[in-house]
């Protein structure tokens, strides 16, 4: 039974691919729901939906833990810890109510985007061929949405310039791109510290994305002799050591 379940999560057959497409759809739907619900007042319907999502996420995490070859490493994995915090935030509302920090924890669901990218790489060859650009874009998107969620949760009740989630997104993007129109500012001490973090880390991620878009495309393929990780798409020999390398390609029409 364990091998069959592991094949669903990690295999390459038709059934496994369809199953992982379903997981991808659920991941994207949960992220969209957290974005949508972040601006809503909490009522019974929201609490019920949260509880249902929490049950599904708990079941998936339990199954992944069950089939993991190294359970200790799986449990200590950053993505696993992020999922656990999201699950706690979903169920804690039933007991403790909706505190701001619980809403912030839900933003960690965006970390799931990295696992989604790994699944896409195995399902779509294009993602593998453009891995560096996709990775940089994923880093940028995850950072923007996590920080936007933090800005919204912390500021919308005390800052009259942030009236909806779009205002928080607008502030985050203008700050990390150093545009800084000044029509929205965070006036409290915590908000200013958050602004510093956005500028320091956001600018670095933004420049990294621009660099990956405009630099020549490379294929991720580790040379078995010298360890060079990236090569030209049509390379047949390693540029560092001259060894023959075998890069899978679909060829040209």
C-alpha atoms as a PDB file:
ATOM      1  CA  UNK A   1       0.000   0.000   0.000  1.00  0.00           C
ATOM      2  CA  UNK A   2       2.783   2.424   0.916  1.00  0.00           C
ATOM      3  CA  UNK A   3       4.528   1.872  -2.426  1.00  0.00           C
ATOM      4  CA  UNK A   4       1.311   2.512  -4.321  1.00  0.00           C
ATOM      5  CA  UNK A   5       0.722   5.756  -2.449  1.00  0.00           C
ATOM      6  CA  UNK A   6       4.357   6.799  -2.944  1.00  0.00           C
ATOM      7  CA  UNK A   7       3.929   6.160  -6.670  1.00  0.00           C
ATOM      8  CA  UNK A   8       0.969   8.552  -6.717  1.00  0.00           C
ATOM      9  CA  UNK A   9       2.969  11.341  -5.073  1.00  0.00           C
ATOM     10  CA  UNK A  10       6.301  10.746  -6.785  1.00  0.00           C
ATOM     11  CA  UNK A  11       5.716   8.576  -9.871  1.00  0.00           C
ATOM     12  CA  UNK A  12       5.656   9.527 -13.546  1.00  0.00           C
ATOM     13  CA  UNK A  13       2.769   7.398 -14.818  1.00  0.00           C
ATOM     14  CA  UNK A  14      -0.497   8.773 -16.153  1.00  0.00           C
ATOM     15  CA  UNK A  15      -2.376   8.192 -12.901  1.00  0.00           C
ATOM     16  CA  UNK A  16       0.397   9.824 -10.863  1.00  0.00           C
ATOM     17  CA  UNK A  17       0.492  12.837 -13.192  1.00  0.00           C
ATOM     18  CA  UNK A  18      -3.285  13.302 -12.949  1.00  0.00           C
ATOM     19  CA  UNK A  19      -3.105  12.968  -9.161  1.00  0.00           C
ATOM     20  CA  UNK A  20      -0.382  15.622  -8.928  1.00  0.00           C
ATOM     21  CA  UNK A  21      -2.384  17.894 -11.227  1.00  0.00           C
ATOM     22  CA  UNK A  22      -5.172  17.582  -8.662  1.00  0.00           C
ATOM     23  CA  UNK A  23      -2.751  18.511  -5.861  1.00  0.00           C
ATOM     24  CA  UNK A  24      -1.562  21.495  -7.878  1.00  0.00           C
ATOM     25  CA  UNK A  25      -5.147  22.636  -8.368  1.00  0.00           C
ATOM     26  CA  UNK A  26      -5.789  22.332  -4.628  1.00  0.00           C
ATOM     27  CA  UNK A  27      -2.617  24.259  -3.748  1.00  0.00           C
ATOM     28  CA  UNK A  28      -3.478  27.096  -6.122  1.00  0.00           C
ATOM     29  CA  UNK A  29      -7.095  27.146  -4.930  1.00  0.00           C
ATOM     30  CA  UNK A  30      -6.047  27.336  -1.268  1.00  0.00           C
ATOM     31  CA  UNK A  31      -3.688  30.215  -2.022  1.00  0.00           C
ATOM     32  CA  UNK A  32      -6.439  32.040  -3.924  1.00  0.00           C
ATOM     33  CA  UNK A  33      -8.829  31.460  -1.013  1.00  0.00           C
ATOM     34  CA  UNK A  34      -6.367  32.872   1.522  1.00  0.00           C
ATOM     35  CA  UNK A  35      -5.938  35.949  -0.656  1.00  0.00           C
ATOM     36  CA  UNK A  36      -9.683  36.394  -0.962  1.00  0.00           C
ATOM     37  CA  UNK A  37     -10.526  35.714   2.686  1.00  0.00           C
ATOM     38  CA  UNK A  38      -7.755  37.946   4.066  1.00  0.00           C
ATOM     39  CA  UNK A  39      -9.971  41.003   3.531  1.00  0.00           C
ATOM     40  CA  UNK A  40     -13.217  39.458   4.801  1.00  0.00           C
ATOM     41  CA  UNK A  41     -14.758  39.699   8.235  1.00  0.00           C
ATOM     42  CA  UNK A  42     -14.668  36.314   9.927  1.00  0.00           C
ATOM     43  CA  UNK A  43     -18.022  34.545  10.204  1.00  0.00           C
ATOM     44  CA  UNK A  44     -19.266  30.996  10.656  1.00  0.00           C
ATOM     45  CA  UNK A  45     -18.901  30.169   6.962  1.00  0.00           C
ATOM     46  CA  UNK A  46     -15.254  31.231   6.894  1.00  0.00           C
ATOM     47  CA  UNK A  47     -14.520  29.221  10.044  1.00  0.00           C
ATOM     48  CA  UNK A  48     -16.123  26.096   8.540  1.00  0.00           C
ATOM     49  CA  UNK A  49     -14.170  26.464   5.291  1.00  0.00           C
ATOM     50  CA  UNK A  50     -10.975  26.980   7.292  1.00  0.00           C
ATOM     51  CA  UNK A  51     -11.644  23.799   9.259  1.00  0.00           C
ATOM     52  CA  UNK A  52     -12.293  21.781   6.077  1.00  0.00           C
ATOM     53  CA  UNK A  53      -9.094  23.065   4.464  1.00  0.00           C
ATOM     54  CA  UNK A  54      -7.223  22.308   7.677  1.00  0.00           C
ATOM     55  CA  UNK A  55      -8.455  18.693   7.622  1.00  0.00           C
ATOM     56  CA  UNK A  56      -7.436  18.213   3.981  1.00  0.00           C
ATOM     57  CA  UNK A  57      -3.983  19.745   4.545  1.00  0.00           C
ATOM     58  CA  UNK A  58      -3.477  17.636   7.677  1.00  0.00           C
ATOM     59  CA  UNK A  59      -4.386  14.458   5.780  1.00  0.00           C
ATOM     60  CA  UNK A  60      -2.020  15.275   2.923  1.00  0.00           C
ATOM     61  CA  UNK A  61       0.816  16.119   5.308  1.00  0.00           C
ATOM     62  CA  UNK A  62       0.222  12.905   7.268  1.00  0.00           C
ATOM     63  CA  UNK A  63       0.358  10.824   4.079  1.00  0.00           C
ATOM     64  CA  UNK A  64       3.575  12.531   2.942  1.00  0.00           C
ATOM     65  CA  UNK A  65       5.075  11.839   6.366  1.00  0.00           C
ATOM     66  CA  UNK A  66       3.966   8.182   6.156  1.00  0.00           C
ATOM     67  CA  UNK A  67       5.618   7.557   2.774  1.00  0.00           C
ATOM     68  CA  UNK A  68       8.765   9.603   3.495  1.00  0.00           C
ATOM     69  CA  UNK A  69      11.957   7.549   3.416  1.00  0.00           C
ATOM     70  CA  UNK A  70      13.566   9.800   6.046  1.00  0.00           C
ATOM     71  CA  UNK A  71      10.771  10.950   8.336  1.00  0.00           C
ATOM     72  CA  UNK A  72      13.002  13.035  10.594  1.00  0.00           C
ATOM     73  CA  UNK A  73      14.345  15.004   7.629  1.00  0.00           C
ATOM     74  CA  UNK A  74      10.812  15.397   6.268  1.00  0.00           C
ATOM     75  CA  UNK A  75       9.482  16.691   9.586  1.00  0.00           C
ATOM     76  CA  UNK A  76      12.319  19.204   9.941  1.00  0.00           C
ATOM     77  CA  UNK A  77      11.969  20.369   6.328  1.00  0.00           C
ATOM     78  CA  UNK A  78      11.182  24.088   6.077  1.00  0.00           C
ATOM     79  CA  UNK A  79       8.178  23.518   3.815  1.00  0.00           C
ATOM     80  CA  UNK A  80       6.759  20.958   6.258  1.00  0.00           C
ATOM     81  CA  UNK A  81       7.103  23.404   9.148  1.00  0.00           C
ATOM     82  CA  UNK A  82       5.421  26.104   7.052  1.00  0.00           C
ATOM     83  CA  UNK A  83       2.506  23.751   6.321  1.00  0.00           C
ATOM     84  CA  UNK A  84       2.208  22.920  10.018  1.00  0.00           C
ATOM     85  CA  UNK A  85       1.988  26.607  10.946  1.00  0.00           C
ATOM     86  CA  UNK A  86      -0.713  27.167   8.315  1.00  0.00           C
ATOM     87  CA  UNK A  87      -2.687  24.188   9.681  1.00  0.00           C
ATOM     88  CA  UNK A  88      -2.345  25.529  13.235  1.00  0.00           C
ATOM     89  CA  UNK A  89      -3.649  28.925  12.092  1.00  0.00           C
ATOM     90  CA  UNK A  90      -6.697  27.274  10.507  1.00  0.00           C
ATOM     91  CA  UNK A  91      -7.691  25.238  13.557  1.00  0.00           C
ATOM     92  CA  UNK A  92      -6.639  27.765  16.201  1.00  0.00           C
ATOM     93  CA  UNK A  93      -9.427  30.090  15.078  1.00  0.00           C
ATOM     94  CA  UNK A  94     -11.933  27.573  16.453  1.00  0.00           C
ATOM     95  CA  UNK A  95     -10.446  27.968  19.928  1.00  0.00           C
ATOM     96  CA  UNK A  96      -8.729  31.310  20.185  1.00  0.00           C
ATOM     97  CA  UNK A  97     -10.517  33.457  17.613  1.00  0.00           C
ATOM     98  CA  UNK A  98      -8.981  35.485  14.814  1.00  0.00           C
ATOM     99  CA  UNK A  99      -5.818  37.182  16.024  1.00  0.00           C
ATOM    100  CA  UNK A 100      -3.718  39.151  13.565  1.00  0.00           C
ATOM    101  CA  UNK A 101      -0.727  36.838  13.863  1.00  0.00           C
ATOM    102  CA  UNK A 102      -2.904  33.871  12.879  1.00  0.00           C
ATOM    103  CA  UNK A 103      -3.853  35.616   9.633  1.00  0.00           C
ATOM    104  CA  UNK A 104      -0.165  36.314   8.960  1.00  0.00           C
ATOM    105  CA  UNK A 105       0.684  32.615   9.378  1.00  0.00           C
ATOM    106  CA  UNK A 106      -1.646  31.786   6.491  1.00  0.00           C
ATOM    107  CA  UNK A 107       0.642  33.738   4.181  1.00  0.00           C
ATOM    108  CA  UNK A 108       3.155  30.910   4.652  1.00  0.00           C
ATOM    109  CA  UNK A 109       0.965  28.879   2.306  1.00  0.00           C
ATOM    110  CA  UNK A 110       2.713  30.789  -0.476  1.00  0.00           C
ATOM    111  CA  UNK A 111       5.825  28.750   0.380  1.00  0.00           C
ATOM    112  CA  UNK A 112       3.934  25.905  -1.243  1.00  0.00           C
ATOM    113  CA  UNK A 113       4.705  27.605  -4.545  1.00  0.00           C
ATOM    114  CA  UNK A 114       8.231  26.175  -4.392  1.00  0.00           C
ATOM    115  CA  UNK A 115       6.892  22.617  -4.151  1.00  0.00           C
ATOM    116  CA  UNK A 116       4.447  23.473  -6.928  1.00  0.00           C
ATOM    117  CA  UNK A 117       7.379  24.547  -9.079  1.00  0.00           C
ATOM    118  CA  UNK A 118       9.098  21.204  -8.455  1.00  0.00           C
ATOM    119  CA  UNK A 119       5.965  19.376  -9.609  1.00  0.00           C
ATOM    120  CA  UNK A 120       5.690  21.606 -12.676  1.00  0.00           C
ATOM    121  CA  UNK A 121       9.321  20.898 -13.532  1.00  0.00           C
ATOM    122  CA  UNK A 122       8.612  17.173 -13.603  1.00  0.00           C
ATOM    123  CA  UNK A 123       5.346  17.595 -15.513  1.00  0.00           C
ATOM    124  CA  UNK A 124       6.398  20.213 -18.068  1.00  0.00           C
ATOM    125  CA  UNK A 125       9.834  20.127 -19.777  1.00  0.00           C
ATOM    126  CA  UNK A 126       9.612  23.890 -20.493  1.00  0.00           C
ATOM    127  CA  UNK A 127       9.849  24.634 -16.767  1.00  0.00           C
ATOM    128  CA  UNK A 128      13.032  22.580 -16.496  1.00  0.00           C
ATOM    129  CA  UNK A 129      14.588  24.344 -19.487  1.00  0.00           C
ATOM    130  CA  UNK A 130      13.895  27.744 -17.908  1.00  0.00           C
ATOM    131  CA  UNK A 131      14.494  26.723 -14.306  1.00  0.00           C
ATOM    132  CA  UNK A 132      16.546  29.766 -13.288  1.00  0.00           C
ATOM    133  CA  UNK A 133      13.977  32.272 -14.561  1.00  0.00           C
ATOM    134  CA  UNK A 134      11.091  30.298 -13.058  1.00  0.00           C
ATOM    135  CA  UNK A 135      12.889  30.033  -9.700  1.00  0.00           C
ATOM    136  CA  UNK A 136      13.657  33.767  -9.606  1.00  0.00           C
ATOM    137  CA  UNK A 137      10.070  34.608 -10.550  1.00  0.00           C
ATOM    138  CA  UNK A 138       8.734  32.238  -7.885  1.00  0.00           C
ATOM    139  CA  UNK A 139      10.972  33.843  -5.247  1.00  0.00           C
ATOM    140  CA  UNK A 140       9.719  37.270  -6.271  1.00  0.00           C
ATOM    141  CA  UNK A 141       6.030  36.332  -6.293  1.00  0.00           C
ATOM    142  CA  UNK A 142       6.193  34.482  -2.964  1.00  0.00           C
ATOM    143  CA  UNK A 143       8.004  37.414  -1.330  1.00  0.00           C
ATOM    144  CA  UNK A 144       5.531  39.975  -2.687  1.00  0.00           C
ATOM    145  CA  UNK A 145       2.428  38.101  -1.577  1.00  0.00           C
ATOM    146  CA  UNK A 146       3.751  37.158   1.863  1.00  0.00           C
ATOM    147  CA  UNK A 147       4.859  40.729   2.581  1.00  0.00           C
ATOM    148  CA  UNK A 148       1.604  42.137   1.175  1.00  0.00           C
ATOM    149  CA  UNK A 149      -0.370  39.891   3.524  1.00  0.00           C
ATOM    150  CA  UNK A 150       1.749  41.056   6.464  1.00  0.00           C
ATOM    151  CA  UNK A 151       1.286  44.716   5.499  1.00  0.00           C
ATOM    152  CA  UNK A 152      -2.473  44.258   5.183  1.00  0.00           C
ATOM    153  CA  UNK A 153      -2.915  42.419   8.492  1.00  0.00           C
ATOM    154  CA  UNK A 154      -0.737  44.808  10.485  1.00  0.00           C
ATOM    155  CA  UNK A 155      -1.773  48.116   8.937  1.00  0.00           C
ATOM    156  CA  UNK A 156      -5.349  48.064   7.662  1.00  0.00           C
ATOM    157  CA  UNK A 157      -6.847  48.811  11.099  1.00  0.00           C
ATOM    158  CA  UNK A 158      -4.417  51.595  12.029  1.00  0.00           C
ATOM    159  CA  UNK A 159      -3.507  53.150   8.671  1.00  0.00           C
ATOM    160  CA  UNK A 160      -6.285  55.015   6.842  1.00  0.00           C
ATOM    161  CA  UNK A 161      -4.228  54.911   3.623  1.00  0.00           C
ATOM    162  CA  UNK A 162      -4.542  51.118   3.382  1.00  0.00           C
ATOM    163  CA  UNK A 163      -8.226  50.373   2.855  1.00  0.00           C
ATOM    164  CA  UNK A 164      -8.005  47.075   0.980  1.00  0.00           C
ATOM    165  CA  UNK A 165      -5.595  44.327  -0.030  1.00  0.00           C
ATOM    166  CA  UNK A 166      -4.793  46.069  -3.316  1.00  0.00           C
ATOM    167  CA  UNK A 167      -3.507  49.097  -1.384  1.00  0.00           C
ATOM    168  CA  UNK A 168      -1.134  46.788   0.524  1.00  0.00           C
ATOM    169  CA  UNK A 169       0.022  45.163  -2.732  1.00  0.00           C
ATOM    170  CA  UNK A 170       0.537  48.579  -4.343  1.00  0.00           C
ATOM    171  CA  UNK A 171       2.622  49.751  -1.379  1.00  0.00           C
ATOM    172  CA  UNK A 172       4.754  46.579  -1.413  1.00  0.00           C
ATOM    173  CA  UNK A 173       5.518  46.774  -5.138  1.00  0.00           C
ATOM    174  CA  UNK A 174       6.313  50.492  -5.159  1.00  0.00           C
ATOM    175  CA  UNK A 175       8.622  50.006  -2.178  1.00  0.00           C
ATOM    176  CA  UNK A 176      10.589  47.008  -3.459  1.00  0.00           C
ATOM    177  CA  UNK A 177      11.053  48.651  -6.872  1.00  0.00           C
ATOM    178  CA  UNK A 178      12.239  51.838  -5.102  1.00  0.00           C
ATOM    179  CA  UNK A 179       9.583  53.850  -6.954  1.00  0.00           C
ATOM    180  CA  UNK A 180       8.184  55.205  -3.706  1.00  0.00           C
ATOM    181  CA  UNK A 181       5.438  57.588  -4.844  1.00  0.00           C
ATOM    182  CA  UNK A 182       4.766  58.540  -1.227  1.00  0.00           C
ATOM    183  CA  UNK A 183       0.968  58.424  -1.492  1.00  0.00           C
ATOM    184  CA  UNK A 184       0.947  55.480   0.946  1.00  0.00           C
ATOM    185  CA  UNK A 185       3.357  55.331   3.880  1.00  0.00           C
ATOM    186  CA  UNK A 186       3.639  53.264   7.073  1.00  0.00           C
ATOM    187  CA  UNK A 187       3.923  55.670   9.991  1.00  0.00           C
ATOM    188  CA  UNK A 188       4.289  53.345  13.005  1.00  0.00           C
ATOM    189  CA  UNK A 189       7.647  51.930  14.128  1.00  0.00           C
ATOM    190  CA  UNK A 190       6.801  48.343  13.163  1.00  0.00           C
ATOM    191  CA  UNK A 191       5.657  49.515   9.738  1.00  0.00           C
ATOM    192  CA  UNK A 192       8.909  51.403   9.182  1.00  0.00           C
ATOM    193  CA  UNK A 193      10.962  48.343  10.117  1.00  0.00           C
ATOM    194  CA  UNK A 194       8.852  46.299   7.694  1.00  0.00           C
ATOM    195  CA  UNK A 195       9.522  48.900   4.986  1.00  0.00           C
ATOM    196  CA  UNK A 196      13.272  48.550   5.545  1.00  0.00           C
ATOM    197  CA  UNK A 197      12.975  44.777   5.145  1.00  0.00           C
ATOM    198  CA  UNK A 198      10.988  45.162   1.918  1.00  0.00           C
ATOM    199  CA  UNK A 199      13.617  47.460   0.433  1.00  0.00           C
ATOM    200  CA  UNK A 200      16.618  45.365   1.485  1.00  0.00           C
ATOM    201  CA  UNK A 201      15.332  41.951   0.459  1.00  0.00           C
ATOM    202  CA  UNK A 202      12.812  42.961  -2.216  1.00  0.00           C
ATOM    203  CA  UNK A 203      15.256  44.976  -4.314  1.00  0.00           C
ATOM    204  CA  UNK A 204      17.723  42.066  -4.272  1.00  0.00           C
ATOM    205  CA  UNK A 205      15.054  39.620  -5.463  1.00  0.00           C
ATOM    206  CA  UNK A 206      13.807  42.048  -8.119  1.00  0.00           C
ATOM    207  CA  UNK A 207      17.311  42.566  -9.531  1.00  0.00           C
ATOM    208  CA  UNK A 208      17.882  38.798  -9.482  1.00  0.00           C
ATOM    209  CA  UNK A 209      14.732  38.265 -11.556  1.00  0.00           C
ATOM    210  CA  UNK A 210      15.754  40.933 -14.096  1.00  0.00           C
ATOM    211  CA  UNK A 211      19.211  39.383 -14.345  1.00  0.00           C
ATOM    212  CA  UNK A 212      17.816  35.912 -15.025  1.00  0.00           C
ATOM    213  CA  UNK A 213      15.396  37.202 -17.672  1.00  0.00           C
ATOM    214  CA  UNK A 214      18.023  39.050 -19.722  1.00  0.00           C
ATOM    215  CA  UNK A 215      21.038  36.765 -19.276  1.00  0.00           C
ATOM    216  CA  UNK A 216      21.538  33.859 -21.736  1.00  0.00           C
ATOM    217  CA  UNK A 217      19.367  30.876 -20.887  1.00  0.00           C
ATOM    218  CA  UNK A 218      21.118  27.916 -19.249  1.00  0.00           C
ATOM    219  CA  UNK A 219      20.053  24.331 -18.679  1.00  0.00           C
ATOM    220  CA  UNK A 220      20.376  22.785 -15.205  1.00  0.00           C
ATOM    221  CA  UNK A 221      22.523  19.677 -15.753  1.00  0.00           C
ATOM    222  CA  UNK A 222      25.403  18.794 -13.402  1.00  0.00           C
ATOM    223  CA  UNK A 223      28.613  17.622 -15.076  1.00  0.00           C
ATOM    224  CA  UNK A 224      29.675  14.303 -13.539  1.00  0.00           C
ATOM    225  CA  UNK A 225      33.372  15.212 -13.790  1.00  0.00           C
ATOM    226  CA  UNK A 226      33.755  18.824 -12.604  1.00  0.00           C
ATOM    227  CA  UNK A 227      30.329  19.550 -11.133  1.00  0.00           C
ATOM    228  CA  UNK A 228      29.403  22.533 -13.340  1.00  0.00           C
ATOM    229  CA  UNK A 229      25.631  22.861 -12.866  1.00  0.00           C
ATOM    230  CA  UNK A 230      24.478  24.994 -15.803  1.00  0.00           C
ATOM    231  CA  UNK A 231      25.202  24.645 -19.520  1.00  0.00           C
ATOM    232  CA  UNK A 232      24.040  26.081 -22.837  1.00  0.00           C
ATOM    233  CA  UNK A 233      20.875  24.370 -24.120  1.00  0.00           C
ATOM    234  CA  UNK A 234      22.722  22.877 -27.129  1.00  0.00           C
ATOM    235  CA  UNK A 235      25.960  22.002 -25.307  1.00  0.00           C
ATOM    236  CA  UNK A 236      27.491  18.583 -25.950  1.00  0.00           C
ATOM    237  CA  UNK A 237      30.667  19.191 -23.910  1.00  0.00           C
ATOM    238  CA  UNK A 238      31.268  20.838 -20.538  1.00  0.00           C
ATOM    239  CA  UNK A 239      32.879  24.269 -20.941  1.00  0.00           C
ATOM    240  CA  UNK A 240      34.934  23.800 -17.768  1.00  0.00           C
ATOM    241  CA  UNK A 241      36.478  20.370 -18.228  1.00  0.00           C
ATOM    242  CA  UNK A 242      35.559  19.374 -21.791  1.00  0.00           C
ATOM    243  CA  UNK A 243      33.786  16.171 -20.760  1.00  0.00           C
ATOM    244  CA  UNK A 244      30.917  14.881 -22.863  1.00  0.00           C
ATOM    245  CA  UNK A 245      27.541  15.708 -21.338  1.00  0.00           C
ATOM    246  CA  UNK A 246      24.140  14.358 -22.249  1.00  0.00           C
ATOM    247  CA  UNK A 247      21.400  16.982 -21.988  1.00  0.00           C
ATOM    248  CA  UNK A 248      17.898  15.814 -22.818  1.00  0.00           C
ATOM    249  CA  UNK A 249      16.405  17.895 -25.622  1.00  0.00           C
ATOM    250  CA  UNK A 250      13.338  17.799 -27.810  1.00  0.00           C
ATOM    251  CA  UNK A 251      15.335  19.080 -30.773  1.00  0.00           C
ATOM    252  CA  UNK A 252      14.201  21.720 -33.232  1.00  0.00           C
ATOM    253  CA  UNK A 253      11.394  21.417 -35.723  1.00  0.00           C
END
